[in-house]
Amino acid sequence: VEIPAGKIDPGESPLVAGVRELEEETGYTTNELNFVTSF
């Protein structure tokens, strides 16, 4: 069991990839993604 996630496509920003993965994996979308951290 995981939070929705996936790899970033070539030329894609992390923010755009985040919305895409959220939509594809969960059926939800958002206009309010906010950065937390990277590791």
PDB file of all heavy atoms in Angstrom:
ATOM      1  N   VAL A   1       0.870  -1.171   0.000  1.00  0.00           N
ATOM      2  CA  VAL A   1       0.000   0.000   0.000  1.00  0.00           C
ATOM      3  C   VAL A   1       0.910   1.225   0.000  1.00  0.00           C
ATOM      4  O   VAL A   1       1.776   1.360   0.869  1.00  0.00           O
ATOM      5  CB  VAL A   1      -0.932   0.003   1.218  1.00  0.00           C
ATOM      6  CG1 VAL A   1      -1.755   1.279   1.256  1.00  0.00           C
ATOM      7  CG2 VAL A   1      -1.847  -1.224   1.186  1.00  0.00           C
ATOM      8  N   GLU A   2       0.705   2.124  -0.975  1.00  0.00           N
ATOM      9  CA  GLU A   2       1.601   3.258  -1.162  1.00  0.00           C
ATOM     10  C   GLU A   2       0.810   4.519  -1.495  1.00  0.00           C
ATOM     11  O   GLU A   2      -0.330   4.445  -1.951  1.00  0.00           O
ATOM     12  CB  GLU A   2       2.586   2.980  -2.302  1.00  0.00           C
ATOM     13  CG  GLU A   2       3.323   1.662  -2.208  1.00  0.00           C
ATOM     14  CD  GLU A   2       4.123   1.355  -3.462  1.00  0.00           C
ATOM     15  OE1 GLU A   2       4.581   2.313  -4.126  1.00  0.00           O
ATOM     16  OE2 GLU A   2       4.290   0.172  -3.790  1.00  0.00           O
ATOM     17  N   ILE A   3       1.450   5.686  -1.303  1.00  0.00           N
ATOM     18  CA  ILE A   3       0.867   6.905  -1.848  1.00  0.00           C
ATOM     19  C   ILE A   3       1.080   6.880  -3.357  1.00  0.00           C
ATOM     20  O   ILE A   3       2.033   6.263  -3.845  1.00  0.00           O
ATOM     21  CB  ILE A   3       1.481   8.175  -1.217  1.00  0.00           C
ATOM     22  CG1 ILE A   3       3.006   8.216  -1.406  1.00  0.00           C
ATOM     23  CG2 ILE A   3       1.111   8.274   0.239  1.00  0.00           C
ATOM     24  CD1 ILE A   3       3.646   9.519  -0.934  1.00  0.00           C
ATOM     25  N   PRO A   4       0.201   7.515  -4.147  1.00  0.00           N
ATOM     26  CA  PRO A   4       0.349   7.499  -5.608  1.00  0.00           C
ATOM     27  C   PRO A   4       1.672   8.104  -6.039  1.00  0.00           C
ATOM     28  O   PRO A   4       2.096   9.141  -5.520  1.00  0.00           O
ATOM     29  CB  PRO A   4      -0.848   8.317  -6.096  1.00  0.00           C
ATOM     30  CG  PRO A   4      -1.349   9.060  -4.906  1.00  0.00           C
ATOM     31  CD  PRO A   4      -0.997   8.245  -3.706  1.00  0.00           C
ATOM     32  N   ALA A   5       2.317   7.456  -7.005  1.00  0.00           N
ATOM     33  CA  ALA A   5       3.645   7.883  -7.426  1.00  0.00           C
ATOM     34  C   ALA A   5       3.981   7.272  -8.775  1.00  0.00           C
ATOM     35  O   ALA A   5       3.316   6.346  -9.246  1.00  0.00           O
ATOM     36  CB  ALA A   5       4.689   7.465  -6.394  1.00  0.00           C
ATOM     37  N   GLY A   6       5.039   7.786  -9.381  1.00  0.00           N
ATOM     38  CA  GLY A   6       5.505   7.233 -10.645  1.00  0.00           C
ATOM     39  C   GLY A   6       6.700   8.005 -11.160  1.00  0.00           C
ATOM     40  O   GLY A   6       7.087   9.039 -10.609  1.00  0.00           O
ATOM     41  N   LYS A   7       7.286   7.484 -12.238  1.00  0.00           N
ATOM     42  CA  LYS A   7       8.479   8.127 -12.785  1.00  0.00           C
ATOM     43  C   LYS A   7       8.110   9.354 -13.614  1.00  0.00           C
ATOM     44  O   LYS A   7       6.991   9.465 -14.125  1.00  0.00           O
ATOM     45  CB  LYS A   7       9.301   7.146 -13.618  1.00  0.00           C
ATOM     46  CG  LYS A   7       8.732   6.773 -14.962  1.00  0.00           C
ATOM     47  CD  LYS A   7       9.666   5.815 -15.676  1.00  0.00           C
ATOM     48  CE  LYS A   7       9.132   5.459 -17.071  1.00  0.00           C
ATOM     49  NZ  LYS A   7       9.165   6.591 -18.009  1.00  0.00           N
ATOM     50  N   ILE A   8       9.060  10.257 -13.712  1.00  0.00           N
ATOM     51  CA  ILE A   8       8.890  11.479 -14.498  1.00  0.00           C
ATOM     52  C   ILE A   8       9.234  11.178 -15.950  1.00  0.00           C
ATOM     53  O   ILE A   8      10.297  10.622 -16.248  1.00  0.00           O
ATOM     54  CB  ILE A   8       9.801  12.596 -13.953  1.00  0.00           C
ATOM     55  CG1 ILE A   8       9.433  12.907 -12.500  1.00  0.00           C
ATOM     56  CG2 ILE A   8       9.691  13.845 -14.804  1.00  0.00           C
ATOM     57  CD1 ILE A   8      10.412  13.835 -11.810  1.00  0.00           C
ATOM     58  N   ASP A   9       8.347  11.534 -16.871  1.00  0.00           N
ATOM     59  CA  ASP A   9       8.589  11.301 -18.295  1.00  0.00           C
ATOM     60  C   ASP A   9       9.594  12.315 -18.848  1.00  0.00           C
ATOM     61  O   ASP A   9       9.761  13.404 -18.282  1.00  0.00           O
ATOM     62  CB  ASP A   9       7.280  11.397 -19.080  1.00  0.00           C
ATOM     63  CG  ASP A   9       6.347  10.235 -18.806  1.00  0.00           C
ATOM     64  OD1 ASP A   9       6.833   9.174 -18.354  1.00  0.00           O
ATOM     65  OD2 ASP A   9       5.128  10.374 -19.035  1.00  0.00           O
ATOM     66  N   PRO A  10      10.264  11.985 -19.957  1.00  0.00           N
ATOM     67  CA  PRO A  10      11.231  12.916 -20.553  1.00  0.00           C
ATOM     68  C   PRO A  10      10.596  14.275 -20.858  1.00  0.00           C
ATOM     69  O   PRO A  10       9.513  14.351 -21.440  1.00  0.00           O
ATOM     70  CB  PRO A  10      11.652  12.204 -21.844  1.00  0.00           C
ATOM     71  CG  PRO A  10      11.441  10.755 -21.553  1.00  0.00           C
ATOM     72  CD  PRO A  10      10.223  10.696 -20.678  1.00  0.00           C
ATOM     73  N   GLY A  11      11.251  15.353 -20.436  1.00  0.00           N
ATOM     74  CA  GLY A  11      10.756  16.699 -20.674  1.00  0.00           C
ATOM     75  C   GLY A  11       9.642  17.143 -19.756  1.00  0.00           C
ATOM     76  O   GLY A  11       9.135  18.269 -19.886  1.00  0.00           O
ATOM     77  N   GLU A  12       9.241  16.305 -18.817  1.00  0.00           N
ATOM     78  CA  GLU A  12       8.131  16.594 -17.918  1.00  0.00           C
ATOM     79  C   GLU A  12       8.659  17.156 -16.597  1.00  0.00           C
ATOM     80  O   GLU A  12       9.654  16.670 -16.057  1.00  0.00           O
ATOM     81  CB  GLU A  12       7.347  15.311 -17.660  1.00  0.00           C
ATOM     82  CG  GLU A  12       6.035  15.482 -16.930  1.00  0.00           C
ATOM     83  CD  GLU A  12       5.297  14.162 -16.786  1.00  0.00           C
ATOM     84  OE1 GLU A  12       5.957  13.127 -16.528  1.00  0.00           O
ATOM     85  OE2 GLU A  12       4.070  14.140 -16.930  1.00  0.00           O
ATOM     86  N   SER A  13       7.992  18.166 -16.061  1.00  0.00           N
ATOM     87  CA  SER A  13       8.383  18.702 -14.763  1.00  0.00           C
ATOM     88  C   SER A  13       7.814  17.816 -13.660  1.00  0.00           C
ATOM     89  O   SER A  13       6.787  17.148 -13.851  1.00  0.00           O
ATOM     90  CB  SER A  13       7.871  20.132 -14.594  1.00  0.00           C
ATOM     91  OG  SER A  13       6.461  20.135 -14.420  1.00  0.00           O
ATOM     92  N   PRO A  14       8.441  17.796 -12.476  1.00  0.00           N
ATOM     93  CA  PRO A  14       7.893  17.011 -11.366  1.00  0.00           C
ATOM     94  C   PRO A  14       6.464  17.400 -11.019  1.00  0.00           C
ATOM     95  O   PRO A  14       5.642  16.535 -10.693  1.00  0.00           O
ATOM     96  CB  PRO A  14       8.858  17.313 -10.220  1.00  0.00           C
ATOM     97  CG  PRO A  14      10.156  17.653 -10.891  1.00  0.00           C
ATOM     98  CD  PRO A  14       9.751  18.388 -12.139  1.00  0.00           C
ATOM     99  N   LEU A  15       6.147  18.690 -11.091  1.00  0.00           N
ATOM    100  CA  LEU A  15       4.800  19.152 -10.754  1.00  0.00           C
ATOM    101  C   LEU A  15       3.770  18.571 -11.712  1.00  0.00           C
ATOM    102  O   LEU A  15       2.717  18.057 -11.295  1.00  0.00           O
ATOM    103  CB  LEU A  15       4.748  20.676 -10.781  1.00  0.00           C
ATOM    104  CG  LEU A  15       3.459  21.327 -10.276  1.00  0.00           C
ATOM    105  CD1 LEU A  15       3.275  21.063  -8.791  1.00  0.00           C
ATOM    106  CD2 LEU A  15       3.466  22.825 -10.541  1.00  0.00           C
ATOM    107  N   VAL A  16       4.050  18.639 -13.009  1.00  0.00           N
ATOM    108  CA  VAL A  16       3.133  18.086 -14.014  1.00  0.00           C
ATOM    109  C   VAL A  16       3.015  16.573 -13.853  1.00  0.00           C
ATOM    110  O   VAL A  16       1.926  15.998 -13.938  1.00  0.00           O
ATOM    111  CB  VAL A  16       3.606  18.449 -15.434  1.00  0.00           C
ATOM    112  CG1 VAL A  16       2.803  17.695 -16.487  1.00  0.00           C
ATOM    113  CG2 VAL A  16       3.488  19.954 -15.667  1.00  0.00           C
ATOM    114  N   ALA A  17       4.137  15.934 -13.586  1.00  0.00           N
ATOM    115  CA  ALA A  17       4.131  14.483 -13.393  1.00  0.00           C
ATOM    116  C   ALA A  17       3.293  14.102 -12.177  1.00  0.00           C
ATOM    117  O   ALA A  17       2.593  13.083 -12.185  1.00  0.00           O
ATOM    118  CB  ALA A  17       5.557  13.969 -13.225  1.00  0.00           C
ATOM    119  N   GLY A  18       3.352  14.925 -11.129  1.00  0.00           N
ATOM    120  CA  GLY A  18       2.573  14.644  -9.935  1.00  0.00           C
ATOM    121  C   GLY A  18       1.080  14.649 -10.193  1.00  0.00           C
ATOM    122  O   GLY A  18       0.358  13.754  -9.741  1.00  0.00           O
ATOM    123  N   VAL A  19       0.610  15.650 -10.927  1.00  0.00           N
ATOM    124  CA  VAL A  19      -0.812  15.719 -11.265  1.00  0.00           C
ATOM    125  C   VAL A  19      -1.197  14.531 -12.148  1.00  0.00           C
ATOM    126  O   VAL A  19      -2.244  13.900 -11.948  1.00  0.00           O
ATOM    127  CB  VAL A  19      -1.147  17.051 -11.970  1.00  0.00           C
ATOM    128  CG1 VAL A  19      -2.599  17.054 -12.442  1.00  0.00           C
ATOM    129  CG2 VAL A  19      -0.891  18.231 -11.040  1.00  0.00           C
ATOM    130  N   ARG A  20      -0.350  14.231 -13.131  1.00  0.00           N
ATOM    131  CA  ARG A  20      -0.636  13.106 -14.045  1.00  0.00           C
ATOM    132  C   ARG A  20      -0.741  11.787 -13.291  1.00  0.00           C
ATOM    133  O   ARG A  20      -1.681  11.005 -13.494  1.00  0.00           O
ATOM    134  CB  ARG A  20       0.452  13.015 -15.115  1.00  0.00           C
ATOM    135  CG  ARG A  20       0.296  11.797 -16.041  1.00  0.00           C
ATOM    136  CD  ARG A  20       1.377  11.739 -17.099  1.00  0.00           C
ATOM    137  NE  ARG A  20       2.708  11.770 -16.527  1.00  0.00           N
ATOM    138  CZ  ARG A  20       3.304  10.727 -15.930  1.00  0.00           C
ATOM    139  NH1 ARG A  20       2.647   9.574 -15.796  1.00  0.00           N
ATOM    140  NH2 ARG A  20       4.524  10.829 -15.458  1.00  0.00           N
ATOM    141  N   GLU A  21       0.221  11.520 -12.398  1.00  0.00           N
ATOM    142  CA  GLU A  21       0.203  10.262 -11.650  1.00  0.00           C
ATOM    143  C   GLU A  21      -1.003  10.188 -10.716  1.00  0.00           C
ATOM    144  O   GLU A  21      -1.613   9.131 -10.561  1.00  0.00           O
ATOM    145  CB  GLU A  21       1.500  10.105 -10.857  1.00  0.00           C
ATOM    146  CG  GLU A  21       2.717   9.793 -11.695  1.00  0.00           C
ATOM    147  CD  GLU A  21       2.661   8.418 -12.342  1.00  0.00           C
ATOM    148  OE1 GLU A  21       1.858   7.558 -11.888  1.00  0.00           O
ATOM    149  OE2 GLU A  21       3.412   8.187 -13.303  1.00  0.00           O
ATOM    150  N   LEU A  22      -1.354  11.308 -10.096  1.00  0.00           N
ATOM    151  CA  LEU A  22      -2.530  11.335  -9.230  1.00  0.00           C
ATOM    152  C   LEU A  22      -3.781  10.986 -10.024  1.00  0.00           C
ATOM    153  O   LEU A  22      -4.613  10.186  -9.577  1.00  0.00           O
ATOM    154  CB  LEU A  22      -2.670  12.719  -8.586  1.00  0.00           C
ATOM    155  CG  LEU A  22      -3.850  12.912  -7.633  1.00  0.00           C
ATOM    156  CD1 LEU A  22      -3.674  12.051  -6.375  1.00  0.00           C
ATOM    157  CD2 LEU A  22      -4.003  14.383  -7.259  1.00  0.00           C
ATOM    158  N   GLU A  23      -3.911  11.574 -11.203  1.00  0.00           N
ATOM    159  CA  GLU A  23      -5.082  11.322 -12.038  1.00  0.00           C
ATOM    160  C   GLU A  23      -5.126   9.881 -12.525  1.00  0.00           C
ATOM    161  O   GLU A  23      -6.177   9.220 -12.486  1.00  0.00           O
ATOM    162  CB  GLU A  23      -5.084  12.288 -13.230  1.00  0.00           C
ATOM    163  CG  GLU A  23      -5.322  13.743 -12.835  1.00  0.00           C
ATOM    164  CD  GLU A  23      -5.269  14.684 -14.014  1.00  0.00           C
ATOM    165  OE1 GLU A  23      -4.805  14.261 -15.104  1.00  0.00           O
ATOM    166  OE2 GLU A  23      -5.681  15.841 -13.867  1.00  0.00           O
ATOM    167  N   GLU A  24      -3.985   9.373 -13.003  1.00  0.00           N
ATOM    168  CA  GLU A  24      -3.956   8.029 -13.574  1.00  0.00           C
ATOM    169  C   GLU A  24      -4.177   6.947 -12.526  1.00  0.00           C
ATOM    170  O   GLU A  24      -4.858   5.946 -12.790  1.00  0.00           O
ATOM    171  CB  GLU A  24      -2.609   7.789 -14.273  1.00  0.00           C
ATOM    172  CG  GLU A  24      -2.405   8.608 -15.539  1.00  0.00           C
ATOM    173  CD  GLU A  24      -1.043   8.406 -16.161  1.00  0.00           C
ATOM    174  OE1 GLU A  24      -0.208   7.699 -15.550  1.00  0.00           O
ATOM    175  OE2 GLU A  24      -0.801   8.955 -17.247  1.00  0.00           O
ATOM    176  N   GLU A  25      -3.611   7.128 -11.341  1.00  0.00           N
ATOM    177  CA  GLU A  25      -3.661   6.058 -10.349  1.00  0.00           C
ATOM    178  C   GLU A  25      -4.882   6.116  -9.439  1.00  0.00           C
ATOM    179  O   GLU A  25      -5.308   5.079  -8.925  1.00  0.00           O
ATOM    180  CB  GLU A  25      -2.387   6.075  -9.487  1.00  0.00           C
ATOM    181  CG  GLU A  25      -1.128   5.690 -10.259  1.00  0.00           C
ATOM    182  CD  GLU A  25       0.020   5.324  -9.345  1.00  0.00           C
ATOM    183  OE1 GLU A  25      -0.073   5.558  -8.122  1.00  0.00           O
ATOM    184  OE2 GLU A  25       1.027   4.798  -9.858  1.00  0.00           O
ATOM    185  N   THR A  26      -5.442   7.307  -9.237  1.00  0.00           N
ATOM    186  CA  THR A  26      -6.518   7.427  -8.241  1.00  0.00           C
ATOM    187  C   THR A  26      -7.843   7.929  -8.788  1.00  0.00           C
ATOM    188  O   THR A  26      -8.873   7.794  -8.116  1.00  0.00           O
ATOM    189  CB  THR A  26      -6.090   8.369  -7.104  1.00  0.00           C
ATOM    190  OG1 THR A  26      -6.074   9.730  -7.585  1.00  0.00           O
ATOM    191  CG2 THR A  26      -4.715   7.998  -6.566  1.00  0.00           C
ATOM    192  N   GLY A  27      -7.847   8.566  -9.959  1.00  0.00           N
ATOM    193  CA  GLY A  27      -9.076   9.171 -10.469  1.00  0.00           C
ATOM    194  C   GLY A  27      -9.351  10.537  -9.888  1.00  0.00           C
ATOM    195  O   GLY A  27     -10.383  11.149 -10.180  1.00  0.00           O
ATOM    196  N   TYR A  28      -8.438  11.045  -9.063  1.00  0.00           N
ATOM    197  CA  TYR A  28      -8.533  12.397  -8.516  1.00  0.00           C
ATOM    198  C   TYR A  28      -7.646  13.345  -9.316  1.00  0.00           C
ATOM    199  O   TYR A  28      -6.685  12.921  -9.966  1.00  0.00           O
ATOM    200  CB  TYR A  28      -8.071  12.442  -7.055  1.00  0.00           C
ATOM    201  CG  TYR A  28      -9.071  11.953  -6.048  1.00  0.00           C
ATOM    202  CD1 TYR A  28      -8.926  10.696  -5.451  1.00  0.00           C
ATOM    203  CD2 TYR A  28     -10.149  12.739  -5.660  1.00  0.00           C
ATOM    204  CE1 TYR A  28      -9.833  10.242  -4.500  1.00  0.00           C
ATOM    205  CE2 TYR A  28     -11.060  12.299  -4.710  1.00  0.00           C
ATOM    206  CZ  TYR A  28     -10.899  11.046  -4.133  1.00  0.00           C
ATOM    207  OH  TYR A  28     -11.806  10.611  -3.195  1.00  0.00           O
ATOM    208  N   THR A  29      -7.967  14.631  -9.256  1.00  0.00           N
ATOM    209  CA  THR A  29      -7.102  15.654  -9.822  1.00  0.00           C
ATOM    210  C   THR A  29      -7.010  16.815  -8.840  1.00  0.00           C
ATOM    211  O   THR A  29      -7.735  16.851  -7.834  1.00  0.00           O
ATOM    212  CB  THR A  29      -7.615  16.158 -11.186  1.00  0.00           C
ATOM    213  OG1 THR A  29      -6.609  16.993 -11.791  1.00  0.00           O
ATOM    214  CG2 THR A  29      -8.898  16.951 -11.041  1.00  0.00           C
ATOM    215  N   THR A  30      -6.098  17.744  -9.122  1.00  0.00           N
ATOM    216  CA  THR A  30      -5.919  18.889  -8.227  1.00  0.00           C
ATOM    217  C   THR A  30      -5.256  20.044  -8.966  1.00  0.00           C
ATOM    218  O   THR A  30      -4.545  19.833  -9.956  1.00  0.00           O
ATOM    219  CB  THR A  30      -5.054  18.505  -7.012  1.00  0.00           C
ATOM    220  OG1 THR A  30      -4.977  19.622  -6.122  1.00  0.00           O
ATOM    221  CG2 THR A  30      -3.645  18.121  -7.442  1.00  0.00           C
ATOM    222  N   ASN A  31      -5.492  21.246  -8.477  1.00  0.00           N
ATOM    223  CA  ASN A  31      -4.788  22.440  -8.947  1.00  0.00           C
ATOM    224  C   ASN A  31      -3.909  23.017  -7.846  1.00  0.00           C
ATOM    225  O   ASN A  31      -3.416  24.143  -7.967  1.00  0.00           O
ATOM    226  CB  ASN A  31      -5.795  23.512  -9.400  1.00  0.00           C
ATOM    227  CG  ASN A  31      -6.581  23.096 -10.622  1.00  0.00           C
ATOM    228  OD1 ASN A  31      -6.023  22.543 -11.563  1.00  0.00           O
ATOM    229  ND2 ASN A  31      -7.883  23.345 -10.598  1.00  0.00           N
ATOM    230  N   GLU A  32      -3.701  22.248  -6.772  1.00  0.00           N
ATOM    231  CA  GLU A  32      -3.048  22.794  -5.590  1.00  0.00           C
ATOM    232  C   GLU A  32      -1.878  21.952  -5.091  1.00  0.00           C
ATOM    233  O   GLU A  32      -1.672  21.803  -3.894  1.00  0.00           O
ATOM    234  CB  GLU A  32      -4.061  22.936  -4.449  1.00  0.00           C
ATOM    235  CG  GLU A  32      -5.218  23.867  -4.754  1.00  0.00           C
ATOM    236  CD  GLU A  32      -6.199  23.957  -3.587  1.00  0.00           C
ATOM    237  OE1 GLU A  32      -5.880  23.438  -2.491  1.00  0.00           O
ATOM    238  OE2 GLU A  32      -7.269  24.542  -3.784  1.00  0.00           O
ATOM    239  N   LEU A  33      -1.099  21.363  -5.978  1.00  0.00           N
ATOM    240  CA  LEU A  33       0.056  20.599  -5.518  1.00  0.00           C
ATOM    241  C   LEU A  33       1.093  21.523  -4.901  1.00  0.00           C
ATOM    242  O   LEU A  33       1.482  22.522  -5.511  1.00  0.00           O
ATOM    243  CB  LEU A  33       0.694  19.831  -6.677  1.00  0.00           C
ATOM    244  CG  LEU A  33       0.122  18.455  -7.027  1.00  0.00           C
ATOM    245  CD1 LEU A  33       1.058  17.743  -7.984  1.00  0.00           C
ATOM    246  CD2 LEU A  33      -0.108  17.613  -5.792  1.00  0.00           C
ATOM    247  N   ASN A  34       1.552  21.177  -3.721  1.00  0.00           N
ATOM    248  CA  ASN A  34       2.547  21.979  -3.012  1.00  0.00           C
ATOM    249  C   ASN A  34       3.751  21.112  -2.649  1.00  0.00           C
ATOM    250  O   ASN A  34       3.601  20.003  -2.117  1.00  0.00           O
ATOM    251  CB  ASN A  34       1.934  22.577  -1.749  1.00  0.00           C
ATOM    252  CG  ASN A  34       0.833  23.558  -2.084  1.00  0.00           C
ATOM    253  OD1 ASN A  34       1.079  24.722  -2.350  1.00  0.00           O
ATOM    254  ND2 ASN A  34      -0.411  23.072  -2.099  1.00  0.00           N
ATOM    255  N   PHE A  35       4.948  21.634  -2.938  1.00  0.00           N
ATOM    256  CA  PHE A  35       6.176  20.883  -2.734  1.00  0.00           C
ATOM    257  C   PHE A  35       6.459  20.676  -1.248  1.00  0.00           C
ATOM    258  O   PHE A  35       6.333  21.603  -0.442  1.00  0.00           O
ATOM    259  CB  PHE A  35       7.339  21.629  -3.387  1.00  0.00           C
ATOM    260  CG  PHE A  35       8.669  20.956  -3.203  1.00  0.00           C
ATOM    261  CD1 PHE A  35       8.978  19.808  -3.905  1.00  0.00           C
ATOM    262  CD2 PHE A  35       9.597  21.473  -2.320  1.00  0.00           C
ATOM    263  CE1 PHE A  35      10.206  19.181  -3.733  1.00  0.00           C
ATOM    264  CE2 PHE A  35      10.828  20.861  -2.135  1.00  0.00           C
ATOM    265  CZ  PHE A  35      11.131  19.716  -2.853  1.00  0.00           C
ATOM    266  N   VAL A  36       6.854  19.441  -0.900  1.00  0.00           N
ATOM    267  CA  VAL A  36       7.218  19.111   0.476  1.00  0.00           C
ATOM    268  C   VAL A  36       8.728  18.924   0.600  1.00  0.00           C
ATOM    269  O   VAL A  36       9.397  19.611   1.360  1.00  0.00           O
ATOM    270  CB  VAL A  36       6.487  17.836   0.956  1.00  0.00           C
ATOM    271  CG1 VAL A  36       6.970  17.432   2.349  1.00  0.00           C
ATOM    272  CG2 VAL A  36       4.979  18.051   0.962  1.00  0.00           C
ATOM    273  N   THR A  37       9.281  17.974  -0.174  1.00  0.00           N
ATOM    274  CA  THR A  37      10.716  17.697  -0.107  1.00  0.00           C
ATOM    275  C   THR A  37      11.112  16.798  -1.266  1.00  0.00           C
ATOM    276  O   THR A  37      10.255  16.310  -2.013  1.00  0.00           O
ATOM    277  CB  THR A  37      11.082  17.013   1.227  1.00  0.00           C
ATOM    278  OG1 THR A  37      12.500  17.016   1.399  1.00  0.00           O
ATOM    279  CG2 THR A  37      10.576  15.578   1.277  1.00  0.00           C
ATOM    280  N   SER A  38      12.401  16.592  -1.425  1.00  0.00           N
ATOM    281  CA  SER A  38      12.947  15.612  -2.372  1.00  0.00           C
ATOM    282  C   SER A  38      14.008  14.800  -1.649  1.00  0.00           C
ATOM    283  O   SER A  38      14.712  15.327  -0.780  1.00  0.00           O
ATOM    284  CB  SER A  38      13.582  16.298  -3.585  1.00  0.00           C
ATOM    285  OG  SER A  38      12.648  17.061  -4.309  1.00  0.00           O
ATOM    286  N   PHE A  39      14.127  13.521  -2.010  1.00  0.00           N
ATOM    287  CA  PHE A  39      15.204  12.720  -1.427  1.00  0.00           C
ATOM    288  C   PHE A  39      15.581  11.582  -2.368  1.00  0.00           C
ATOM    289  O   PHE A  39      14.799  11.167  -3.223  1.00  0.00           O
ATOM    290  CB  PHE A  39      14.828  12.182  -0.040  1.00  0.00           C
ATOM    291  CG  PHE A  39      13.604  11.304   0.000  1.00  0.00           C
ATOM    292  CD1 PHE A  39      13.674   9.947  -0.303  1.00  0.00           C
ATOM    293  CD2 PHE A  39      12.372  11.830   0.372  1.00  0.00           C
ATOM    294  CE1 PHE A  39      12.546   9.148  -0.248  1.00  0.00           C
ATOM    295  CE2 PHE A  39      11.239  11.035   0.443  1.00  0.00           C
ATOM    296  CZ  PHE A  39      11.331   9.683   0.124  1.00  0.00           C
TER     297      PHE A  39
END
